[in-house]
Amino acid sequence: MHLTVALKTDLRTWCDAQGKNATYIAQRCFTISKTNTYMTNLLSGCEEKPKGRMAMLTSPLIMSQVKVNLTSQFGLERFQVSLRQKYSSTNGPSDNFMWTDKNNITYGLNSDLKWTPNEPNDWPTTGENQEEDCADFTGETAGISDSQCTDPAYLRRALCEYREPSMVFIPYFVGQSVSSSSTAIISGQTDIKVIQLEHCAILCHVFEVCEAFVYKKTQLTCTLLFRVDLTATERIALDEATIYGY
């Protein structure tokens, strides 16, 4: 994943102007919201610029850079992120957590997500009980913990993420496609018919959480992904395919 771009965009200029309260990583500006709110509000003050949302930390590298450049200064303060557990979960406290957008659409979970030790735990009662179905990010440790969604004691500031209006996509994996079992695939956004490569980039730009796509040049199709740091087991060899991301 490419963490910076040289181009001085409007978003990057605004992000730099926030000083120590923001950091520009991978064509996105990460900031801390100015107010506390309940975790059920998936905007949570992330509305200072267009294309804002509560952060989705889909890459360990992104998590590390957010910690180093932004949140470590706040010590053990915890910030809301857009990770949610669905009430249908029945297989324990870590089951069925997914990145979720403001429209309550879910996008799966990266398998290498860094949980804080002994988290998630659905405290205070072990087992799935709907007690902690939201999640937060600890500034100093860059770990994720599950948390209450509506308890006033859990009012927190949010870790916000603002995307560039126009993303620059580059080829990451040439001659490779994505396995149908990959959790990176955005549900319902597979093998979309297009006329040319640029149309995949437009589709990915329009779809709020898209960060990558697979383009098959012979079939003229693309599959949208919500992350690009795919593991070796998530990729399959296919001469006509290329995985693009930003």
C-alpha atoms as a PDB file:
ATOM      1  CA  MET A   1       0.000   0.000   0.000  1.00  0.00           C
ATOM      2  CA  HIS A   2       1.264   3.426  -0.909  1.00  0.00           C
ATOM      3  CA  LEU A   3       0.967   5.666   2.137  1.00  0.00           C
ATOM      4  CA  THR A   4       1.531   9.074   0.526  1.00  0.00           C
ATOM      5  CA  VAL A   5       1.161  10.879  -2.778  1.00  0.00           C
ATOM      6  CA  ALA A   6       3.257  13.846  -3.853  1.00  0.00           C
ATOM      7  CA  LEU A   7       0.361  15.853  -5.271  1.00  0.00           C
ATOM      8  CA  LYS A   8      -0.702  18.739  -3.001  1.00  0.00           C
ATOM      9  CA  THR A   9      -4.490  18.399  -3.195  1.00  0.00           C
ATOM     10  CA  ASP A  10      -7.142  20.515  -1.490  1.00  0.00           C
ATOM     11  CA  LEU A  11      -7.757  17.718   0.986  1.00  0.00           C
ATOM     12  CA  ARG A  12      -4.074  17.367   1.808  1.00  0.00           C
ATOM     13  CA  THR A  13      -3.732  21.144   2.242  1.00  0.00           C
ATOM     14  CA  TRP A  14      -6.695  21.144   4.642  1.00  0.00           C
ATOM     15  CA  CYS A  15      -5.331  18.082   6.435  1.00  0.00           C
ATOM     16  CA  ASP A  16      -1.891  19.649   6.902  1.00  0.00           C
ATOM     17  CA  ALA A  17      -3.553  22.797   8.273  1.00  0.00           C
ATOM     18  CA  GLN A  18      -5.043  20.756  11.136  1.00  0.00           C
ATOM     19  CA  GLY A  19      -1.541  20.312  12.558  1.00  0.00           C
ATOM     20  CA  LYS A  20      -1.095  17.490  15.063  1.00  0.00           C
ATOM     21  CA  ASN A  21      -4.845  16.765  14.990  1.00  0.00           C
ATOM     22  CA  ALA A  22      -4.744  15.141  11.548  1.00  0.00           C
ATOM     23  CA  THR A  23      -2.528  12.986   9.341  1.00  0.00           C
ATOM     24  CA  TYR A  24      -2.570  12.324   5.582  1.00  0.00           C
ATOM     25  CA  ILE A  25      -2.122   8.630   4.674  1.00  0.00           C
ATOM     26  CA  ALA A  26      -2.857   6.756   1.438  1.00  0.00           C
ATOM     27  CA  GLN A  27      -4.889   9.559  -0.171  1.00  0.00           C
ATOM     28  CA  ARG A  28      -6.969   9.966   2.977  1.00  0.00           C
ATOM     29  CA  CYS A  29      -6.978  12.410   5.866  1.00  0.00           C
ATOM     30  CA  PHE A  30      -7.471  10.909   9.332  1.00  0.00           C
ATOM     31  CA  THR A  31      -8.669  13.256  12.061  1.00  0.00           C
ATOM     32  CA  ILE A  32     -10.246  13.135  15.507  1.00  0.00           C
ATOM     33  CA  SER A  33     -13.835  14.366  15.823  1.00  0.00           C
ATOM     34  CA  LYS A  34     -14.368  17.450  17.946  1.00  0.00           C
ATOM     35  CA  THR A  35     -17.286  16.047  19.970  1.00  0.00           C
ATOM     36  CA  ASN A  36     -18.251  12.842  21.771  1.00  0.00           C
ATOM     37  CA  THR A  37     -21.201  10.812  20.574  1.00  0.00           C
ATOM     38  CA  TYR A  38     -22.793   7.381  20.841  1.00  0.00           C
ATOM     39  CA  MET A  39     -21.205   4.651  18.770  1.00  0.00           C
ATOM     40  CA  THR A  40     -24.480   3.948  17.004  1.00  0.00           C
ATOM     41  CA  ASN A  41     -23.984   7.198  15.060  1.00  0.00           C
ATOM     42  CA  LEU A  42     -21.730   6.111  12.201  1.00  0.00           C
ATOM     43  CA  LEU A  43     -21.002   9.698  11.174  1.00  0.00           C
ATOM     44  CA  SER A  44     -20.092  10.864  14.690  1.00  0.00           C
ATOM     45  CA  GLY A  45     -18.849  14.319  13.760  1.00  0.00           C
ATOM     46  CA  CYS A  46     -16.949  13.171  10.658  1.00  0.00           C
ATOM     47  CA  GLU A  47     -18.613  15.777   8.477  1.00  0.00           C
ATOM     48  CA  GLU A  48     -16.077  18.590   8.296  1.00  0.00           C
ATOM     49  CA  LYS A  49     -15.286  17.758   4.659  1.00  0.00           C
ATOM     50  CA  PRO A  50     -17.050  15.798   1.874  1.00  0.00           C
ATOM     51  CA  LYS A  51     -16.570  12.009   1.745  1.00  0.00           C
ATOM     52  CA  GLY A  52     -16.178  11.763   5.506  1.00  0.00           C
ATOM     53  CA  ARG A  53     -16.883   8.677   7.569  1.00  0.00           C
ATOM     54  CA  MET A  54     -15.888   6.975  10.777  1.00  0.00           C
ATOM     55  CA  ALA A  55     -12.569   5.300   9.946  1.00  0.00           C
ATOM     56  CA  MET A  56     -12.225   1.791   8.500  1.00  0.00           C
ATOM     57  CA  LEU A  57      -8.750   0.544   9.435  1.00  0.00           C
ATOM     58  CA  THR A  58      -8.472  -2.266   6.899  1.00  0.00           C
ATOM     59  CA  SER A  59      -4.668  -2.486   6.854  1.00  0.00           C
ATOM     60  CA  PRO A  60      -2.164  -3.092   9.709  1.00  0.00           C
ATOM     61  CA  LEU A  61       0.113  -0.580   8.000  1.00  0.00           C
ATOM     62  CA  ILE A  62      -2.620   2.066   8.076  1.00  0.00           C
ATOM     63  CA  MET A  63      -3.295   1.305  11.755  1.00  0.00           C
ATOM     64  CA  SER A  64       0.382   1.675  12.582  1.00  0.00           C
ATOM     65  CA  GLN A  65       0.737   4.974  10.729  1.00  0.00           C
ATOM     66  CA  VAL A  66      -2.413   6.413  12.303  1.00  0.00           C
ATOM     67  CA  LYS A  67      -0.974   5.570  15.710  1.00  0.00           C
ATOM     68  CA  VAL A  68       2.490   7.016  14.996  1.00  0.00           C
ATOM     69  CA  ASN A  69       1.292  10.170  13.237  1.00  0.00           C
ATOM     70  CA  LEU A  70      -1.904  10.969  15.127  1.00  0.00           C
ATOM     71  CA  THR A  71      -3.335   9.013  18.034  1.00  0.00           C
ATOM     72  CA  SER A  72      -0.268   8.156  20.158  1.00  0.00           C
ATOM     73  CA  GLN A  73      -0.301  11.721  21.538  1.00  0.00           C
ATOM     74  CA  PHE A  74      -3.636  10.965  23.243  1.00  0.00           C
ATOM     75  CA  GLY A  75      -2.281   8.107  25.361  1.00  0.00           C
ATOM     76  CA  LEU A  76      -4.889   5.472  26.206  1.00  0.00           C
ATOM     77  CA  GLU A  77      -7.870   7.498  24.982  1.00  0.00           C
ATOM     78  CA  ARG A  78     -10.118   5.312  22.828  1.00  0.00           C
ATOM     79  CA  PHE A  79     -11.731   6.472  19.589  1.00  0.00           C
ATOM     80  CA  GLN A  80     -14.744   5.064  17.792  1.00  0.00           C
ATOM     81  CA  VAL A  81     -14.199   3.201  14.520  1.00  0.00           C
ATOM     82  CA  SER A  82     -16.788   1.765  12.137  1.00  0.00           C
ATOM     83  CA  LEU A  83     -16.494  -1.877  13.215  1.00  0.00           C
ATOM     84  CA  ARG A  84     -19.824  -3.440  14.179  1.00  0.00           C
ATOM     85  CA  GLN A  85     -21.019  -6.862  15.328  1.00  0.00           C
ATOM     86  CA  LYS A  86     -24.334  -8.109  14.019  1.00  0.00           C
ATOM     87  CA  TYR A  87     -26.876  -9.317  16.557  1.00  0.00           C
ATOM     88  CA  SER A  88     -27.243 -12.604  14.677  1.00  0.00           C
ATOM     89  CA  SER A  89     -23.785 -13.606  15.913  1.00  0.00           C
ATOM     90  CA  THR A  90     -23.856 -16.903  17.829  1.00  0.00           C
ATOM     91  CA  ASN A  91     -20.266 -18.140  17.805  1.00  0.00           C
ATOM     92  CA  GLY A  92     -18.695 -16.079  20.564  1.00  0.00           C
ATOM     93  CA  PRO A  93     -17.555 -12.497  21.118  1.00  0.00           C
ATOM     94  CA  SER A  94     -15.210 -12.278  18.093  1.00  0.00           C
ATOM     95  CA  ASP A  95     -17.711 -13.680  15.609  1.00  0.00           C
ATOM     96  CA  ASN A  96     -19.323 -11.555  12.923  1.00  0.00           C
ATOM     97  CA  PHE A  97     -17.563  -8.214  13.434  1.00  0.00           C
ATOM     98  CA  MET A  98     -17.596  -6.323  10.137  1.00  0.00           C
ATOM     99  CA  TRP A  99     -16.619  -2.903   8.821  1.00  0.00           C
ATOM    100  CA  THR A 100     -19.898  -1.025   8.422  1.00  0.00           C
ATOM    101  CA  ASP A 101     -20.738   2.266   6.696  1.00  0.00           C
ATOM    102  CA  LYS A 102     -23.191   5.009   7.670  1.00  0.00           C
ATOM    103  CA  ASN A 103     -25.932   3.251   5.661  1.00  0.00           C
ATOM    104  CA  ASN A 104     -25.412   0.092   7.754  1.00  0.00           C
ATOM    105  CA  ILE A 105     -23.927  -1.792   4.782  1.00  0.00           C
ATOM    106  CA  THR A 106     -21.285  -4.317   5.856  1.00  0.00           C
ATOM    107  CA  TYR A 107     -18.034  -5.141   4.028  1.00  0.00           C
ATOM    108  CA  GLY A 108     -16.432  -8.030   5.889  1.00  0.00           C
ATOM    109  CA  LEU A 109     -13.332  -7.963   8.075  1.00  0.00           C
ATOM    110  CA  ASN A 110      -9.589  -8.167   7.409  1.00  0.00           C
ATOM    111  CA  SER A 111      -8.232 -11.348   9.021  1.00  0.00           C
ATOM    112  CA  ASP A 112      -5.100  -9.557  10.282  1.00  0.00           C
ATOM    113  CA  LEU A 113      -7.020  -6.995  12.354  1.00  0.00           C
ATOM    114  CA  LYS A 114      -5.059  -6.162  15.517  1.00  0.00           C
ATOM    115  CA  TRP A 115      -7.279  -6.711  18.550  1.00  0.00           C
ATOM    116  CA  THR A 116      -6.142  -5.540  21.985  1.00  0.00           C
ATOM    117  CA  PRO A 117      -5.112  -8.581  24.141  1.00  0.00           C
ATOM    118  CA  ASN A 118      -8.175 -10.400  25.539  1.00  0.00           C
ATOM    119  CA  GLU A 119     -10.469  -8.490  23.191  1.00  0.00           C
ATOM    120  CA  PRO A 120     -13.170  -8.775  21.990  1.00  0.00           C
ATOM    121  CA  ASN A 121     -14.778 -10.109  25.169  1.00  0.00           C
ATOM    122  CA  ASP A 122     -18.414  -8.928  25.253  1.00  0.00           C
ATOM    123  CA  TRP A 123     -17.795  -7.632  28.769  1.00  0.00           C
ATOM    124  CA  PRO A 124     -19.148  -8.035  31.410  1.00  0.00           C
ATOM    125  CA  THR A 125     -20.713 -11.367  30.433  1.00  0.00           C
ATOM    126  CA  THR A 126     -18.671 -13.866  28.423  1.00  0.00           C
ATOM    127  CA  GLY A 127     -20.325 -15.023  25.231  1.00  0.00           C
ATOM    128  CA  GLU A 128     -22.505 -13.358  22.616  1.00  0.00           C
ATOM    129  CA  ASN A 129     -25.058 -11.270  24.476  1.00  0.00           C
ATOM    130  CA  GLN A 130     -25.344  -7.981  22.560  1.00  0.00           C
ATOM    131  CA  GLU A 131     -23.470  -6.141  25.324  1.00  0.00           C
ATOM    132  CA  GLU A 132     -20.491  -4.934  23.243  1.00  0.00           C
ATOM    133  CA  ASP A 133     -21.331  -4.794  19.546  1.00  0.00           C
ATOM    134  CA  CYS A 134     -19.362  -1.657  18.626  1.00  0.00           C
ATOM    135  CA  ALA A 135     -15.597  -1.080  18.621  1.00  0.00           C
ATOM    136  CA  ASP A 136     -12.926   1.505  19.342  1.00  0.00           C
ATOM    137  CA  PHE A 137      -9.241   2.136  18.637  1.00  0.00           C
ATOM    138  CA  THR A 138      -6.805   2.821  21.489  1.00  0.00           C
ATOM    139  CA  GLY A 139      -4.573   5.736  20.556  1.00  0.00           C
ATOM    140  CA  GLU A 140      -1.329   4.618  22.198  1.00  0.00           C
ATOM    141  CA  THR A 141      -1.441   0.890  21.371  1.00  0.00           C
ATOM    142  CA  ALA A 142      -3.275   0.884  18.003  1.00  0.00           C
ATOM    143  CA  GLY A 143      -5.420  -2.019  19.200  1.00  0.00           C
ATOM    144  CA  ILE A 144      -9.131  -2.610  18.644  1.00  0.00           C
ATOM    145  CA  SER A 145     -11.544  -3.357  21.509  1.00  0.00           C
ATOM    146  CA  ASP A 146     -15.250  -4.106  21.498  1.00  0.00           C
ATOM    147  CA  SER A 147     -17.434  -1.579  23.329  1.00  0.00           C
ATOM    148  CA  GLN A 148     -20.988  -0.695  24.249  1.00  0.00           C
ATOM    149  CA  CYS A 149     -22.967   1.069  21.528  1.00  0.00           C
ATOM    150  CA  THR A 150     -25.459   3.174  23.497  1.00  0.00           C
ATOM    151  CA  ASP A 151     -24.298   3.336  27.129  1.00  0.00           C
ATOM    152  CA  PRO A 152     -23.678   7.026  28.106  1.00  0.00           C
ATOM    153  CA  ALA A 153     -20.492   5.891  29.844  1.00  0.00           C
ATOM    154  CA  TYR A 154     -19.107   4.954  26.424  1.00  0.00           C
ATOM    155  CA  LEU A 155     -19.499   8.337  24.734  1.00  0.00           C
ATOM    156  CA  ARG A 156     -16.290   8.857  22.752  1.00  0.00           C
ATOM    157  CA  ARG A 157     -14.715  10.960  20.045  1.00  0.00           C
ATOM    158  CA  ALA A 158     -14.431   9.281  16.658  1.00  0.00           C
ATOM    159  CA  LEU A 159     -11.454   8.545  14.444  1.00  0.00           C
ATOM    160  CA  CYS A 160     -12.586  10.145  11.170  1.00  0.00           C
ATOM    161  CA  GLU A 161     -11.458   9.428   7.618  1.00  0.00           C
ATOM    162  CA  TYR A 162     -11.849  11.714   4.593  1.00  0.00           C
ATOM    163  CA  ARG A 163     -11.110  10.430   1.086  1.00  0.00           C
ATOM    164  CA  GLU A 164      -9.795  12.343  -1.881  1.00  0.00           C
ATOM    165  CA  PRO A 165     -12.589  13.299  -4.332  1.00  0.00           C
ATOM    166  CA  SER A 166     -10.579  11.594  -7.104  1.00  0.00           C
ATOM    167  CA  MET A 167      -8.468   8.596  -6.164  1.00  0.00           C
ATOM    168  CA  VAL A 168      -5.379   7.535  -8.153  1.00  0.00           C
ATOM    169  CA  PHE A 169      -5.375   3.770  -8.682  1.00  0.00           C
ATOM    170  CA  ILE A 170      -2.201   1.830  -9.496  1.00  0.00           C
ATOM    171  CA  PRO A 171      -1.634  -1.861 -10.367  1.00  0.00           C
ATOM    172  CA  TYR A 172      -0.711  -3.909  -7.305  1.00  0.00           C
ATOM    173  CA  PHE A 173      -0.949  -7.505  -8.523  1.00  0.00           C
ATOM    174  CA  VAL A 174      -0.567  -8.112 -12.279  1.00  0.00           C
ATOM    175  CA  GLY A 175      -1.754 -11.475 -13.603  1.00  0.00           C
ATOM    176  CA  GLN A 176      -3.796 -12.121 -10.474  1.00  0.00           C
ATOM    177  CA  SER A 177      -7.443 -12.048  -9.506  1.00  0.00           C
ATOM    178  CA  VAL A 178      -9.185 -12.430  -6.155  1.00  0.00           C
ATOM    179  CA  SER A 179     -10.496 -15.664  -4.691  1.00  0.00           C
ATOM    180  CA  SER A 180     -14.280 -15.855  -4.423  1.00  0.00           C
ATOM    181  CA  SER A 181     -13.847 -16.648  -0.713  1.00  0.00           C
ATOM    182  CA  SER A 182     -11.918 -13.442   0.035  1.00  0.00           C
ATOM    183  CA  THR A 183     -13.458 -11.217   2.705  1.00  0.00           C
ATOM    184  CA  ALA A 184     -12.210  -8.191   0.743  1.00  0.00           C
ATOM    185  CA  ILE A 185     -14.940  -8.504  -1.901  1.00  0.00           C
ATOM    186  CA  ILE A 186     -17.760  -5.996  -1.530  1.00  0.00           C
ATOM    187  CA  SER A 187     -20.993  -7.978  -1.457  1.00  0.00           C
ATOM    188  CA  GLY A 188     -22.903  -7.865  -4.742  1.00  0.00           C
ATOM    189  CA  GLN A 189     -20.098  -6.015  -6.582  1.00  0.00           C
ATOM    190  CA  THR A 190     -18.495  -8.877  -8.544  1.00  0.00           C
ATOM    191  CA  ASP A 191     -17.836  -9.247 -12.297  1.00  0.00           C
ATOM    192  CA  ILE A 192     -19.532  -5.968 -13.224  1.00  0.00           C
ATOM    193  CA  LYS A 193     -19.586  -5.431 -16.983  1.00  0.00           C
ATOM    194  CA  VAL A 194     -17.635  -2.361 -18.146  1.00  0.00           C
ATOM    195  CA  ILE A 195     -16.395  -0.928 -21.425  1.00  0.00           C
ATOM    196  CA  GLN A 196     -12.860  -0.038 -20.328  1.00  0.00           C
ATOM    197  CA  LEU A 197     -10.531   0.020 -17.326  1.00  0.00           C
ATOM    198  CA  GLU A 198     -11.365   3.621 -16.413  1.00  0.00           C
ATOM    199  CA  HIS A 199     -14.972   2.627 -15.726  1.00  0.00           C
ATOM    200  CA  CYS A 200     -13.810   0.345 -12.891  1.00  0.00           C
ATOM    201  CA  ALA A 201     -12.016   3.288 -11.278  1.00  0.00           C
ATOM    202  CA  ILE A 202     -15.187   5.388 -11.589  1.00  0.00           C
ATOM    203  CA  LEU A 203     -17.312   2.641 -10.011  1.00  0.00           C
ATOM    204  CA  CYS A 204     -14.830   2.258  -7.171  1.00  0.00           C
ATOM    205  CA  HIS A 205     -14.781   6.007  -6.611  1.00  0.00           C
ATOM    206  CA  VAL A 206     -18.592   6.192  -6.463  1.00  0.00           C
ATOM    207  CA  PHE A 207     -18.899   3.235  -4.084  1.00  0.00           C
ATOM    208  CA  GLU A 208     -18.030   4.826  -0.735  1.00  0.00           C
ATOM    209  CA  VAL A 209     -15.847   2.137   0.849  1.00  0.00           C
ATOM    210  CA  CYS A 210     -14.147   0.779  -2.280  1.00  0.00           C
ATOM    211  CA  GLU A 211     -10.334   0.884  -2.083  1.00  0.00           C
ATOM    212  CA  ALA A 212      -9.395  -1.531  -4.875  1.00  0.00           C
ATOM    213  CA  PHE A 213     -10.758  -3.517  -7.788  1.00  0.00           C
ATOM    214  CA  VAL A 214      -9.984  -6.477 -10.045  1.00  0.00           C
ATOM    215  CA  TYR A 215     -10.059  -5.727 -13.764  1.00  0.00           C
ATOM    216  CA  LYS A 216     -10.309  -8.597 -16.287  1.00  0.00           C
ATOM    217  CA  LYS A 217      -9.338  -7.151 -19.644  1.00  0.00           C
ATOM    218  CA  THR A 218     -10.672 -10.009 -21.819  1.00  0.00           C
ATOM    219  CA  GLN A 219     -14.010 -10.331 -20.072  1.00  0.00           C
ATOM    220  CA  LEU A 220     -14.238  -6.545 -19.515  1.00  0.00           C
ATOM    221  CA  THR A 221     -15.428  -6.926 -15.942  1.00  0.00           C
ATOM    222  CA  CYS A 222     -14.420  -5.569 -12.569  1.00  0.00           C
ATOM    223  CA  THR A 223     -14.924  -6.717  -8.979  1.00  0.00           C
ATOM    224  CA  LEU A 224     -14.864  -4.104  -6.231  1.00  0.00           C
ATOM    225  CA  LEU A 225     -12.837  -4.611  -3.052  1.00  0.00           C
ATOM    226  CA  PHE A 226     -12.828  -2.737   0.229  1.00  0.00           C
ATOM    227  CA  ARG A 227      -9.086  -3.317   0.767  1.00  0.00           C
ATOM    228  CA  VAL A 228      -6.024  -3.999  -1.395  1.00  0.00           C
ATOM    229  CA  ASP A 229      -3.609  -5.710   1.024  1.00  0.00           C
ATOM    230  CA  LEU A 230      -4.741  -9.194  -0.001  1.00  0.00           C
ATOM    231  CA  THR A 231      -3.002 -12.222   1.458  1.00  0.00           C
ATOM    232  CA  ALA A 232      -1.479 -14.881  -0.803  1.00  0.00           C
ATOM    233  CA  THR A 233      -4.415 -17.194  -0.114  1.00  0.00           C
ATOM    234  CA  GLU A 234      -6.864 -14.514  -1.263  1.00  0.00           C
ATOM    235  CA  ARG A 235      -5.217 -14.139  -4.687  1.00  0.00           C
ATOM    236  CA  ILE A 236      -5.380 -16.537  -7.637  1.00  0.00           C
ATOM    237  CA  ALA A 237      -3.303 -16.550 -10.814  1.00  0.00           C
ATOM    238  CA  LEU A 238      -5.161 -15.265 -13.882  1.00  0.00           C
ATOM    239  CA  ASP A 239      -3.238 -13.854 -16.847  1.00  0.00           C
ATOM    240  CA  GLU A 240      -5.964 -11.438 -17.971  1.00  0.00           C
ATOM    241  CA  ALA A 241      -6.565  -9.941 -14.515  1.00  0.00           C
ATOM    242  CA  THR A 242      -4.918  -7.109 -12.575  1.00  0.00           C
ATOM    243  CA  ILE A 243      -5.719  -5.923  -9.069  1.00  0.00           C
ATOM    244  CA  TYR A 244      -5.634  -2.119  -8.761  1.00  0.00           C
ATOM    245  CA  GLY A 245      -5.642  -0.108  -5.567  1.00  0.00           C
ATOM    246  CA  TYR A 246      -4.550   3.200  -4.039  1.00  0.00           C
END
